[in-house]
Amino acid sequence: MNHELKTDPEVFQAMIDGGKTYELRKDDRGFAVGDTLTLRETVNDGADMALGAPLEYTGRTTGRVVTHILRGPIYGLAEGWAILSCK
């Protein structure tokens, strides 16, 4: 399954640069190992959007495949949240 996800600019760039190899996400989409994530970079970050900035995309996208999932509650990760390891 493919999941299209909006991604803050700083986090998107870290993924592009290779320093970030995971996604921390609300576990509300039925994520599974082998799923594809299509990350779409936003112009504004989530904090700015919460204050009223519009949801706009830069046009940059990147794809990743989920290789492992850690679901909360475990190790301080809250229930309903997941860490998706990606390649």
Protein backbone atom coordinates (compact mmCIF):
# COMPACT_ATOMS: atom_id res chain seq x y z
CA MET A 1 0.00 0.00 0.00
CA ASN A 2 1.16 3.55 -0.68
CA HIS A 3 0.75 6.28 1.93
CA GLU A 4 1.07 9.92 0.86
CA LEU A 5 2.31 11.97 3.81
CA LYS A 6 2.94 15.69 4.26
CA THR A 7 6.39 16.40 5.69
CA ASP A 8 7.91 19.53 7.27
CA PRO A 9 10.78 21.10 5.26
CA GLU A 10 13.53 20.41 7.83
CA VAL A 11 12.48 16.79 8.30
CA PHE A 12 12.10 16.27 4.54
CA GLN A 13 15.63 17.57 3.90
CA ALA A 14 17.08 15.31 6.61
CA MET A 15 15.50 12.33 4.85
CA ILE A 16 16.87 13.45 1.46
CA ASP A 17 20.35 13.93 2.95
CA GLY A 18 20.25 10.40 4.39
CA GLY A 19 20.64 11.38 8.04
CA LYS A 20 17.05 10.43 8.90
CA THR A 21 15.95 6.87 8.19
CA TYR A 22 12.62 6.72 10.00
CA GLU A 23 9.22 8.37 10.24
CA LEU A 24 7.42 9.02 13.53
CA ARG A 25 3.71 8.93 12.72
CA LYS A 26 0.30 8.59 14.29
CA ASP A 27 -0.55 4.93 13.75
CA ASP A 28 -3.91 5.54 12.08
CA ARG A 29 -3.31 4.26 8.52
CA GLY A 30 -2.70 0.54 8.95
CA PHE A 31 1.02 0.82 8.15
CA ALA A 32 2.71 -2.48 7.28
CA VAL A 33 6.24 -3.62 6.43
CA GLY A 34 6.69 -3.30 2.67
CA ASP A 35 4.39 -0.28 2.34
CA THR A 36 5.60 2.70 0.32
CA LEU A 37 5.67 6.17 1.83
CA THR A 38 5.43 9.11 -0.56
CA LEU A 39 6.69 12.08 1.42
CA ARG A 40 5.58 15.50 0.15
CA GLU A 41 7.50 18.52 1.42
CA THR A 42 5.35 21.36 2.74
CA VAL A 43 6.20 25.07 2.46
CA ASN A 44 5.22 25.68 6.10
CA ASP A 45 5.92 23.42 9.05
CA GLY A 46 3.26 21.90 11.27
CA ALA A 47 3.66 24.52 13.99
CA ASP A 48 3.07 27.35 11.52
CA MET A 49 0.07 25.54 10.02
CA ALA A 50 -1.39 25.12 13.51
CA LEU A 51 -1.22 28.93 13.77
CA GLY A 52 -3.08 29.38 10.50
CA ALA A 53 -0.44 29.14 7.75
CA PRO A 54 -1.86 27.41 4.68
CA LEU A 55 -1.06 23.85 3.64
CA GLU A 56 1.07 24.31 0.54
CA TYR A 57 3.51 21.90 -1.07
CA THR A 58 6.92 22.75 -2.55
CA GLY A 59 6.56 20.13 -5.29
CA ARG A 60 9.42 18.01 -3.92
CA THR A 61 8.61 14.40 -3.10
CA THR A 62 10.58 11.32 -2.14
CA GLY A 63 9.63 7.69 -1.77
CA ARG A 64 10.64 5.24 0.94
CA VAL A 65 9.79 1.62 1.77
CA VAL A 66 8.85 0.62 5.33
CA THR A 67 11.29 -2.03 6.60
CA HIS A 68 10.30 -2.23 10.29
CA ILE A 69 7.58 -0.85 12.54
CA LEU A 70 7.79 -0.15 16.26
CA ARG A 71 4.34 0.50 17.72
CA GLY A 72 3.56 2.11 21.06
CA PRO A 73 3.12 1.76 23.91
CA ILE A 74 6.74 0.69 24.33
CA TYR A 75 10.04 2.39 25.24
CA GLY A 76 8.32 5.73 25.88
CA LEU A 77 6.46 5.68 22.57
CA ALA A 78 2.82 6.52 23.27
CA GLU A 79 -0.01 4.21 22.31
CA GLY A 80 -1.38 5.10 18.90
CA TRP A 81 2.02 6.17 17.54
CA ALA A 82 4.59 4.27 15.46
CA ILE A 83 8.18 4.60 14.34
CA LEU A 84 8.53 3.42 10.73
CA SER A 85 12.06 2.44 9.71
CA CYS A 86 12.57 3.21 6.03
CA LYS A 87 14.99 2.61 3.19
